[in-house]
All heavy atoms as atom14 arrays in JSON, in Angstrom:
{
  "sequence": "QALEKYLKGILLFNQRSIVQYRNHDLSAVCKAVETIPWIDLCWPA",
  "atom14_mask": [
    [1, 1, 1, 1, 1, 1, 1, 1, 1, 0, 0, 0, 0, 0],
    [1, 1, 1, 1, 1, 0, 0, 0, 0, 0, 0, 0, 0, 0],
    [1, 1, 1, 1, 1, 1, 1, 1, 0, 0, 0, 0, 0, 0],
    [1, 1, 1, 1, 1, 1, 1, 1, 1, 0, 0, 0, 0, 0],
    [1, 1, 1, 1, 1, 1, 1, 1, 1, 0, 0, 0, 0, 0],
    [1, 1, 1, 1, 1, 1, 1, 1, 1, 1, 1, 1, 0, 0],
    [1, 1, 1, 1, 1, 1, 1, 1, 0, 0, 0, 0, 0, 0],
    [1, 1, 1, 1, 1, 1, 1, 1, 1, 0, 0, 0, 0, 0],
    [1, 1, 1, 1, 0, 0, 0, 0, 0, 0, 0, 0, 0, 0],
    [1, 1, 1, 1, 1, 1, 1, 1, 0, 0, 0, 0, 0, 0],
    [1, 1, 1, 1, 1, 1, 1, 1, 0, 0, 0, 0, 0, 0],
    [1, 1, 1, 1, 1, 1, 1, 1, 0, 0, 0, 0, 0, 0],
    [1, 1, 1, 1, 1, 1, 1, 1, 1, 1, 1, 0, 0, 0],
    [1, 1, 1, 1, 1, 1, 1, 1, 0, 0, 0, 0, 0, 0],
    [1, 1, 1, 1, 1, 1, 1, 1, 1, 0, 0, 0, 0, 0],
    [1, 1, 1, 1, 1, 1, 1, 1, 1, 1, 1, 0, 0, 0],
    [1, 1, 1, 1, 1, 1, 0, 0, 0, 0, 0, 0, 0, 0],
    [1, 1, 1, 1, 1, 1, 1, 1, 0, 0, 0, 0, 0, 0],
    [1, 1, 1, 1, 1, 1, 1, 0, 0, 0, 0, 0, 0, 0],
    [1, 1, 1, 1, 1, 1, 1, 1, 1, 0, 0, 0, 0, 0],
    [1, 1, 1, 1, 1, 1, 1, 1, 1, 1, 1, 1, 0, 0],
    [1, 1, 1, 1, 1, 1, 1, 1, 1, 1, 1, 0, 0, 0],
    [1, 1, 1, 1, 1, 1, 1, 1, 0, 0, 0, 0, 0, 0],
    [1, 1, 1, 1, 1, 1, 1, 1, 1, 1, 0, 0, 0, 0],
    [1, 1, 1, 1, 1, 1, 1, 1, 0, 0, 0, 0, 0, 0],
    [1, 1, 1, 1, 1, 1, 1, 1, 0, 0, 0, 0, 0, 0],
    [1, 1, 1, 1, 1, 1, 0, 0, 0, 0, 0, 0, 0, 0],
    [1, 1, 1, 1, 1, 0, 0, 0, 0, 0, 0, 0, 0, 0],
    [1, 1, 1, 1, 1, 1, 1, 0, 0, 0, 0, 0, 0, 0],
    [1, 1, 1, 1, 1, 1, 0, 0, 0, 0, 0, 0, 0, 0],
    [1, 1, 1, 1, 1, 1, 1, 1, 1, 0, 0, 0, 0, 0],
    [1, 1, 1, 1, 1, 0, 0, 0, 0, 0, 0, 0, 0, 0],
    [1, 1, 1, 1, 1, 1, 1, 0, 0, 0, 0, 0, 0, 0],
    [1, 1, 1, 1, 1, 1, 1, 1, 1, 0, 0, 0, 0, 0],
    [1, 1, 1, 1, 1, 1, 1, 0, 0, 0, 0, 0, 0, 0],
    [1, 1, 1, 1, 1, 1, 1, 1, 0, 0, 0, 0, 0, 0],
    [1, 1, 1, 1, 1, 1, 1, 0, 0, 0, 0, 0, 0, 0],
    [1, 1, 1, 1, 1, 1, 1, 1, 1, 1, 1, 1, 1, 1],
    [1, 1, 1, 1, 1, 1, 1, 1, 0, 0, 0, 0, 0, 0],
    [1, 1, 1, 1, 1, 1, 1, 1, 0, 0, 0, 0, 0, 0],
    [1, 1, 1, 1, 1, 1, 1, 1, 0, 0, 0, 0, 0, 0],
    [1, 1, 1, 1, 1, 1, 0, 0, 0, 0, 0, 0, 0, 0],
    [1, 1, 1, 1, 1, 1, 1, 1, 1, 1, 1, 1, 1, 1],
    [1, 1, 1, 1, 1, 1, 1, 0, 0, 0, 0, 0, 0, 0],
    [1, 1, 1, 1, 1, 0, 0, 0, 0, 0, 0, 0, 0, 0]
  ],
  "atom14_positions": [
    [[0.82, -1.21, 0.0], [0.0, 0.0, 0.0], [0.86, 1.26, 0.0], [0.57, 2.23, -0.71], [-0.94, -0.01, 1.21], [-2.02, -1.06, 1.14], [-2.93, -0.83, -0.06], [-3.53, 0.22, -0.21], [-3.04, -1.84, -0.9], [0.0, 0.0, 0.0], [0.0, 0.0, 0.0], [0.0, 0.0, 0.0], [0.0, 0.0, 0.0], [0.0, 0.0, 0.0]],
    [[1.92, 1.27, 0.8], [2.81, 2.43, 0.86], [3.46, 2.68, -0.51], [3.43, 3.81, -1.02], [3.87, 2.25, 1.94], [0.0, 0.0, 0.0], [0.0, 0.0, 0.0], [0.0, 0.0, 0.0], [0.0, 0.0, 0.0], [0.0, 0.0, 0.0], [0.0, 0.0, 0.0], [0.0, 0.0, 0.0], [0.0, 0.0, 0.0], [0.0, 0.0, 0.0]],
    [[4.04, 1.64, -1.08], [4.7, 1.8, -2.37], [3.72, 2.28, -3.44], [4.03, 3.2, -4.22], [5.32, 0.47, -2.81], [6.51, -0.01, -1.97], [6.83, -1.46, -2.28], [7.72, 0.88, -2.2], [0.0, 0.0, 0.0], [0.0, 0.0, 0.0], [0.0, 0.0, 0.0], [0.0, 0.0, 0.0], [0.0, 0.0, 0.0], [0.0, 0.0, 0.0]],
    [[2.56, 1.68, -3.47], [1.56, 2.05, -4.47], [1.12, 3.5, -4.32], [1.04, 4.25, -5.29], [0.36, 1.11, -4.37], [-0.67, 1.31, -5.45], [-1.77, 0.27, -5.39], [-1.88, -0.49, -4.4], [-2.54, 0.2, -6.36], [0.0, 0.0, 0.0], [0.0, 0.0, 0.0], [0.0, 0.0, 0.0], [0.0, 0.0, 0.0], [0.0, 0.0, 0.0]],
    [[0.87, 3.92, -3.1], [0.4, 5.3, -2.88], [1.5, 6.32, -3.16], [1.24, 7.41, -3.69], [-0.14, 5.46, -1.47], [-1.49, 4.79, -1.3], [-2.02, 4.95, 0.11], [-3.31, 4.21, 0.32], [-3.11, 2.83, 0.74], [0.0, 0.0, 0.0], [0.0, 0.0, 0.0], [0.0, 0.0, 0.0], [0.0, 0.0, 0.0], [0.0, 0.0, 0.0]],
    [[2.75, 6.01, -2.8], [3.84, 6.93, -3.12], [3.97, 7.12, -4.63], [4.07, 8.25, -5.12], [5.18, 6.43, -2.56], [5.38, 6.68, -1.09], [5.81, 5.67, -0.25], [5.19, 7.95, -0.53], [6.01, 5.89, 1.11], [5.39, 8.17, 0.83], [5.8, 7.14, 1.63], [6.0, 7.36, 2.96], [0.0, 0.0, 0.0], [0.0, 0.0, 0.0]],
    [[3.94, 6.03, -5.36], [4.06, 6.1, -6.82], [2.88, 6.85, -7.46], [3.06, 7.7, -8.33], [4.2, 4.71, -7.43], [5.52, 3.99, -7.12], [5.42, 2.51, -7.51], [6.69, 4.66, -7.81], [0.0, 0.0, 0.0], [0.0, 0.0, 0.0], [0.0, 0.0, 0.0], [0.0, 0.0, 0.0], [0.0, 0.0, 0.0], [0.0, 0.0, 0.0]],
    [[1.68, 6.54, -6.99], [0.51, 7.23, -7.53], [0.51, 8.7, -7.14], [0.08, 9.56, -7.92], [-0.78, 6.55, -7.04], [-1.01, 5.21, -7.72], [-2.28, 4.55, -7.22], [-2.57, 3.26, -7.93], [-3.8, 2.61, -7.47], [0.0, 0.0, 0.0], [0.0, 0.0, 0.0], [0.0, 0.0, 0.0], [0.0, 0.0, 0.0], [0.0, 0.0, 0.0]],
    [[1.0, 9.02, -5.98], [1.13, 10.42, -5.56], [2.06, 11.18, -6.49], [1.8, 12.32, -6.86], [0.0, 0.0, 0.0], [0.0, 0.0, 0.0], [0.0, 0.0, 0.0], [0.0, 0.0, 0.0], [0.0, 0.0, 0.0], [0.0, 0.0, 0.0], [0.0, 0.0, 0.0], [0.0, 0.0, 0.0], [0.0, 0.0, 0.0], [0.0, 0.0, 0.0]],
    [[3.17, 10.54, -6.85], [4.1, 11.18, -7.81], [3.4, 11.46, -9.12], [3.55, 12.56, -9.7], [5.34, 10.28, -8.03], [6.19, 10.23, -6.74], [6.18, 10.79, -9.21], [7.28, 9.17, -6.78], [0.0, 0.0, 0.0], [0.0, 0.0, 0.0], [0.0, 0.0, 0.0], [0.0, 0.0, 0.0], [0.0, 0.0, 0.0], [0.0, 0.0, 0.0]],
    [[2.62, 10.5, -9.6], [1.89, 10.71, -10.86], [0.91, 11.88, -10.72], [0.84, 12.74, -11.61], [1.15, 9.44, -11.27], [2.03, 8.27, -11.73], [1.18, 7.03, -11.97], [2.83, 8.63, -12.96], [0.0, 0.0, 0.0], [0.0, 0.0, 0.0], [0.0, 0.0, 0.0], [0.0, 0.0, 0.0], [0.0, 0.0, 0.0], [0.0, 0.0, 0.0]],
    [[0.17, 11.91, -9.63], [-0.8, 13.01, -9.45], [-0.12, 14.37, -9.34], [-0.58, 15.34, -9.92], [-1.65, 12.75, -8.21], [-2.68, 11.63, -8.31], [-3.32, 11.36, -6.96], [-3.75, 11.98, -9.35], [0.0, 0.0, 0.0], [0.0, 0.0, 0.0], [0.0, 0.0, 0.0], [0.0, 0.0, 0.0], [0.0, 0.0, 0.0], [0.0, 0.0, 0.0]],
    [[0.98, 14.43, -8.6], [1.71, 15.7, -8.47], [2.21, 16.19, -9.83], [2.45, 17.37, -10.03], [2.9, 15.57, -7.51], [2.57, 15.85, -6.08], [2.86, 14.93, -5.1], [2.0, 17.06, -5.7], [2.57, 15.19, -3.76], [1.69, 17.33, -4.37], [1.99, 16.39, -3.41], [0.0, 0.0, 0.0], [0.0, 0.0, 0.0], [0.0, 0.0, 0.0]],
    [[2.37, 15.25, -10.77], [2.84, 15.59, -12.1], [1.74, 15.54, -13.14], [2.0, 15.36, -14.33], [4.0, 14.68, -12.48], [5.23, 15.01, -11.69], [5.95, 15.95, -12.03], [5.49, 14.28, -10.6], [0.0, 0.0, 0.0], [0.0, 0.0, 0.0], [0.0, 0.0, 0.0], [0.0, 0.0, 0.0], [0.0, 0.0, 0.0], [0.0, 0.0, 0.0]],
    [[0.5, 15.68, -12.68], [-0.69, 15.81, -13.53], [-0.87, 14.61, -14.46], [-1.25, 14.75, -15.62], [-0.61, 17.1, -14.33], [-0.5, 18.33, -13.46], [-0.33, 19.6, -14.27], [-0.81, 19.69, -15.39], [0.36, 20.56, -13.69], [0.0, 0.0, 0.0], [0.0, 0.0, 0.0], [0.0, 0.0, 0.0], [0.0, 0.0, 0.0], [0.0, 0.0, 0.0]],
    [[-0.63, 13.42, -13.92], [-0.83, 12.18, -14.67], [-2.02, 11.42, -14.07], [-2.23, 11.45, -12.87], [0.41, 11.29, -14.6], [1.69, 11.9, -15.16], [1.57, 12.12, -16.65], [2.82, 12.16, -17.37], [3.61, 13.21, -17.49], [3.32, 14.32, -16.9], [4.71, 13.15, -18.21], [0.0, 0.0, 0.0], [0.0, 0.0, 0.0], [0.0, 0.0, 0.0]],
    [[-2.71, 10.72, -14.9], [-3.87, 9.95, -14.46], [-3.42, 8.68, -13.73], [-2.39, 8.09, -14.06], [-4.73, 9.55, -15.65], [-5.78, 8.7, -15.24], [0.0, 0.0, 0.0], [0.0, 0.0, 0.0], [0.0, 0.0, 0.0], [0.0, 0.0, 0.0], [0.0, 0.0, 0.0], [0.0, 0.0, 0.0], [0.0, 0.0, 0.0], [0.0, 0.0, 0.0]],
    [[-4.23, 8.25, -12.76], [-3.94, 7.0, -12.05], [-5.11, 6.01, -12.13], [-5.03, 4.93, -11.58], [-3.59, 7.25, -10.56], [-4.77, 7.88, -9.82], [-2.32, 8.07, -10.44], [-4.59, 7.92, -8.32], [0.0, 0.0, 0.0], [0.0, 0.0, 0.0], [0.0, 0.0, 0.0], [0.0, 0.0, 0.0], [0.0, 0.0, 0.0], [0.0, 0.0, 0.0]],
    [[-6.17, 6.39, -12.82], [-7.38, 5.56, -12.82], [-7.15, 4.17, -13.43], [-7.85, 3.22, -13.07], [-8.57, 6.25, -13.54], [-8.99, 7.5, -12.78], [-8.25, 6.55, -14.97], [0.0, 0.0, 0.0], [0.0, 0.0, 0.0], [0.0, 0.0, 0.0], [0.0, 0.0, 0.0], [0.0, 0.0, 0.0], [0.0, 0.0, 0.0], [0.0, 0.0, 0.0]],
    [[-6.18, 4.01, -14.29], [-5.95, 2.71, -14.93], [-5.12, 1.76, -14.05], [-4.97, 0.62, -14.4], [-5.28, 2.88, -16.3], [-3.89, 3.48, -16.24], [-3.88, 4.98, -16.35], [-4.75, 5.67, -15.84], [-2.86, 5.52, -17.0], [0.0, 0.0, 0.0], [0.0, 0.0, 0.0], [0.0, 0.0, 0.0], [0.0, 0.0, 0.0], [0.0, 0.0, 0.0]],
    [[-4.65, 2.22, -12.89], [-3.82, 1.39, -12.02], [-4.61, 0.98, -10.79], [-4.46, 1.52, -9.71], [-2.56, 2.15, -11.61], [-1.81, 2.7, -12.79], [-1.76, 4.07, -13.02], [-1.17, 1.85, -13.68], [-1.09, 4.57, -14.12], [-0.5, 2.34, -14.79], [-0.46, 3.71, -14.99], [0.2, 4.2, -16.08], [0.0, 0.0, 0.0], [0.0, 0.0, 0.0]],
    [[-5.45, -0.03, -10.95], [-6.34, -0.44, -9.87], [-6.01, -1.82, -9.3], [-6.62, -2.24, -8.34], [-7.78, -0.45, -10.35], [-8.26, 0.91, -10.73], [-9.66, 0.86, -11.22], [-10.0, 2.17, -11.77], [-11.19, 2.66, -11.76], [-12.18, 1.97, -11.25], [-11.43, 3.85, -12.26], [0.0, 0.0, 0.0], [0.0, 0.0, 0.0], [0.0, 0.0, 0.0]],
    [[-5.08, -2.54, -9.86], [-4.88, -3.92, -9.45], [-3.53, -4.14, -8.74], [-2.97, -5.22, -8.81], [-5.01, -4.86, -10.65], [-4.0, -4.55, -11.72], [-3.26, -3.57, -11.63], [-3.93, -5.39, -12.73], [0.0, 0.0, 0.0], [0.0, 0.0, 0.0], [0.0, 0.0, 0.0], [0.0, 0.0, 0.0], [0.0, 0.0, 0.0], [0.0, 0.0, 0.0]],
    [[-3.01, -3.14, -8.09], [-1.75, -3.23, -7.35], [-0.57, -3.61, -8.22], [0.38, -4.23, -7.74], [-1.86, -4.22, -6.18], [-3.03, -3.98, -5.28], [-3.18, -2.81, -4.58], [-4.09, -4.75, -4.96], [-4.28, -2.87, -3.86], [-4.87, -4.04, -4.1], [0.0, 0.0, 0.0], [0.0, 0.0, 0.0], [0.0, 0.0, 0.0], [0.0, 0.0, 0.0]],
    [[-0.6, -3.25, -9.49], [0.51, -3.56, -10.39], [1.58, -2.47, -10.24], [1.58, -1.48, -10.97], [0.03, -3.66, -11.83], [1.09, -4.17, -12.77], [2.27, -4.31, -12.34], [0.76, -4.42, -13.94], [0.0, 0.0, 0.0], [0.0, 0.0, 0.0], [0.0, 0.0, 0.0], [0.0, 0.0, 0.0], [0.0, 0.0, 0.0], [0.0, 0.0, 0.0]],
    [[2.47, -2.68, -9.27], [3.5, -1.69, -8.97], [4.43, -1.45, -10.15], [4.88, -0.33, -10.37], [4.31, -2.12, -7.75], [3.54, -2.22, -6.44], [4.45, -2.75, -5.34], [2.97, -0.86, -6.05], [0.0, 0.0, 0.0], [0.0, 0.0, 0.0], [0.0, 0.0, 0.0], [0.0, 0.0, 0.0], [0.0, 0.0, 0.0], [0.0, 0.0, 0.0]],
    [[4.71, -2.49, -10.92], [5.6, -2.33, -12.08], [5.02, -1.37, -13.1], [5.72, -0.52, -13.65], [5.87, -3.68, -12.74], [6.58, -4.5, -11.85], [0.0, 0.0, 0.0], [0.0, 0.0, 0.0], [0.0, 0.0, 0.0], [0.0, 0.0, 0.0], [0.0, 0.0, 0.0], [0.0, 0.0, 0.0], [0.0, 0.0, 0.0], [0.0, 0.0, 0.0]],
    [[3.72, -1.49, -13.35], [3.06, -0.59, -14.31], [3.08, 0.86, -13.83], [3.34, 1.78, -14.6], [1.63, -1.05, -14.57], [0.0, 0.0, 0.0], [0.0, 0.0, 0.0], [0.0, 0.0, 0.0], [0.0, 0.0, 0.0], [0.0, 0.0, 0.0], [0.0, 0.0, 0.0], [0.0, 0.0, 0.0], [0.0, 0.0, 0.0], [0.0, 0.0, 0.0]],
    [[2.81, 1.05, -12.55], [2.81, 2.41, -12.0], [4.23, 2.98, -12.03], [4.45, 4.14, -12.37], [2.24, 2.45, -10.56], [2.19, 3.87, -10.04], [0.87, 1.83, -10.51], [0.0, 0.0, 0.0], [0.0, 0.0, 0.0], [0.0, 0.0, 0.0], [0.0, 0.0, 0.0], [0.0, 0.0, 0.0], [0.0, 0.0, 0.0], [0.0, 0.0, 0.0]],
    [[5.19, 2.14, -11.73], [6.6, 2.55, -11.76], [7.0, 2.96, -13.17], [7.68, 3.98, -13.36], [7.46, 1.4, -11.26], [9.09, 1.87, -10.75], [0.0, 0.0, 0.0], [0.0, 0.0, 0.0], [0.0, 0.0, 0.0], [0.0, 0.0, 0.0], [0.0, 0.0, 0.0], [0.0, 0.0, 0.0], [0.0, 0.0, 0.0], [0.0, 0.0, 0.0]],
    [[6.59, 2.21, -14.16], [6.9, 2.54, -15.55], [6.25, 3.87, -15.94], [6.84, 4.65, -16.69], [6.44, 1.43, -16.47], [7.35, 0.22, -16.43], [6.9, -0.85, -17.4], [7.87, -2.0, -17.44], [7.73, -2.98, -16.41], [0.0, 0.0, 0.0], [0.0, 0.0, 0.0], [0.0, 0.0, 0.0], [0.0, 0.0, 0.0], [0.0, 0.0, 0.0]],
    [[5.07, 4.14, -15.42], [4.41, 5.43, -15.7], [5.2, 6.58, -15.08], [5.35, 7.64, -15.7], [2.98, 5.41, -15.17], [0.0, 0.0, 0.0], [0.0, 0.0, 0.0], [0.0, 0.0, 0.0], [0.0, 0.0, 0.0], [0.0, 0.0, 0.0], [0.0, 0.0, 0.0], [0.0, 0.0, 0.0], [0.0, 0.0, 0.0], [0.0, 0.0, 0.0]],
    [[5.73, 6.37, -13.89], [6.56, 7.41, -13.25], [7.82, 7.66, -14.09], [8.25, 8.79, -14.25], [6.91, 7.02, -11.8], [7.98, 7.93, -11.22], [5.66, 7.03, -10.92], [0.0, 0.0, 0.0], [0.0, 0.0, 0.0], [0.0, 0.0, 0.0], [0.0, 0.0, 0.0], [0.0, 0.0, 0.0], [0.0, 0.0, 0.0], [0.0, 0.0, 0.0]],
    [[8.38, 6.59, -14.64], [9.59, 6.72, -15.46], [9.37, 7.56, -16.71], [10.31, 8.12, -17.25], [10.1, 5.34, -15.88], [10.69, 4.55, -14.75], [11.08, 3.13, -15.16], [10.56, 2.63, -16.2], [11.88, 2.53, -14.46], [0.0, 0.0, 0.0], [0.0, 0.0, 0.0], [0.0, 0.0, 0.0], [0.0, 0.0, 0.0], [0.0, 0.0, 0.0]],
    [[8.12, 7.67, -17.17], [7.85, 8.45, -18.39], [7.82, 9.95, -18.14], [7.73, 10.72, -19.09], [6.52, 8.03, -19.03], [5.44, 8.39, -18.15], [6.49, 6.55, -19.35], [0.0, 0.0, 0.0], [0.0, 0.0, 0.0], [0.0, 0.0, 0.0], [0.0, 0.0, 0.0], [0.0, 0.0, 0.0], [0.0, 0.0, 0.0], [0.0, 0.0, 0.0]],
    [[7.85, 10.37, -16.89], [7.85, 11.8, -16.58], [9.25, 12.34, -16.88], [10.22, 11.98, -16.2], [7.45, 12.06, -15.11], [6.06, 11.47, -14.84], [7.5, 13.55, -14.79], [5.67, 11.46, -13.38], [0.0, 0.0, 0.0], [0.0, 0.0, 0.0], [0.0, 0.0, 0.0], [0.0, 0.0, 0.0], [0.0, 0.0, 0.0], [0.0, 0.0, 0.0]],
    [[9.38, 13.19, -17.89], [10.71, 13.55, -18.38], [11.57, 14.35, -17.39], [12.79, 14.25, -17.42], [10.43, 14.39, -19.64], [9.01, 14.79, -19.54], [8.32, 13.8, -18.67], [0.0, 0.0, 0.0], [0.0, 0.0, 0.0], [0.0, 0.0, 0.0], [0.0, 0.0, 0.0], [0.0, 0.0, 0.0], [0.0, 0.0, 0.0], [0.0, 0.0, 0.0]],
    [[10.97, 15.13, -16.52], [11.76, 15.96, -15.61], [12.12, 15.26, -14.31], [12.76, 15.85, -13.44], [11.05, 17.28, -15.32], [9.62, 17.12, -14.89], [9.15, 16.93, -13.64], [8.49, 17.12, -15.73], [7.79, 16.8, -13.64], [7.34, 16.93, -14.93], [8.3, 17.26, -17.11], [6.07, 16.87, -15.45], [7.02, 17.2, -17.61], [5.92, 17.02, -16.78]],
    [[11.75, 14.01, -14.17], [12.14, 13.22, -13.0], [13.23, 12.24, -13.45], [13.01, 11.38, -14.29], [10.95, 12.45, -12.41], [9.89, 13.42, -11.89], [11.42, 11.53, -11.3], [8.68, 12.73, -11.28], [0.0, 0.0, 0.0], [0.0, 0.0, 0.0], [0.0, 0.0, 0.0], [0.0, 0.0, 0.0], [0.0, 0.0, 0.0], [0.0, 0.0, 0.0]],
    [[14.4, 12.41, -12.88], [15.53, 11.55, -13.23], [15.79, 10.6, -12.05], [16.47, 10.95, -11.09], [16.77, 12.39, -13.52], [17.93, 11.57, -14.03], [17.7, 10.46, -14.52], [19.08, 12.05, -13.91], [0.0, 0.0, 0.0], [0.0, 0.0, 0.0], [0.0, 0.0, 0.0], [0.0, 0.0, 0.0], [0.0, 0.0, 0.0], [0.0, 0.0, 0.0]],
    [[15.19, 9.42, -12.14], [15.32, 8.45, -11.06], [16.38, 7.41, -11.39], [16.53, 7.01, -12.55], [13.98, 7.74, -10.83], [12.84, 8.63, -10.34], [11.52, 7.88, -10.37], [13.11, 9.13, -8.93], [0.0, 0.0, 0.0], [0.0, 0.0, 0.0], [0.0, 0.0, 0.0], [0.0, 0.0, 0.0], [0.0, 0.0, 0.0], [0.0, 0.0, 0.0]],
    [[17.06, 6.99, -10.37], [18.03, 5.92, -10.51], [17.54, 4.76, -9.66], [17.79, 4.71, -8.46], [19.41, 6.4, -10.05], [20.69, 5.16, -10.28], [0.0, 0.0, 0.0], [0.0, 0.0, 0.0], [0.0, 0.0, 0.0], [0.0, 0.0, 0.0], [0.0, 0.0, 0.0], [0.0, 0.0, 0.0], [0.0, 0.0, 0.0], [0.0, 0.0, 0.0]],
    [[16.78, 3.85, -10.28], [16.2, 2.73, -9.56], [17.28, 1.71, -9.23], [18.18, 1.48, -10.01], [15.13, 2.04, -10.4], [13.98, 2.88, -10.85], [13.71, 3.25, -12.13], [12.92, 3.44, -10.05], [12.57, 4.0, -12.18], [12.06, 4.14, -10.91], [12.64, 3.42, -8.7], [10.91, 4.8, -10.48], [11.5, 4.1, -8.24], [10.67, 4.77, -9.12]],
    [[17.16, 1.02, -8.09], [18.12, -0.06, -7.79], [17.9, -1.24, -8.73], [16.81, -1.44, -9.26], [17.78, -0.44, -6.33], [16.42, 0.09, -6.08], [16.21, 1.26, -7.02], [0.0, 0.0, 0.0], [0.0, 0.0, 0.0], [0.0, 0.0, 0.0], [0.0, 0.0, 0.0], [0.0, 0.0, 0.0], [0.0, 0.0, 0.0], [0.0, 0.0, 0.0]],
    [[18.94, -2.03, -8.91], [18.87, -3.18, -9.81], [17.82, -4.19, -9.36], [17.28, -4.94, -10.17], [20.24, -3.83, -9.92], [0.0, 0.0, 0.0], [0.0, 0.0, 0.0], [0.0, 0.0, 0.0], [0.0, 0.0, 0.0], [0.0, 0.0, 0.0], [0.0, 0.0, 0.0], [0.0, 0.0, 0.0], [0.0, 0.0, 0.0], [0.0, 0.0, 0.0]]
  ]
}
């Protein structure tokens, strides 16, 4: 729940929709965060 809400919060803060992420698919939400061009994240391996 924490991971999912943090990632969805990032999307909302960046004016991205979250309605399509309803099944706890953290990988999909993470990929959506990666598409935000001004966020340069360095994910662990």
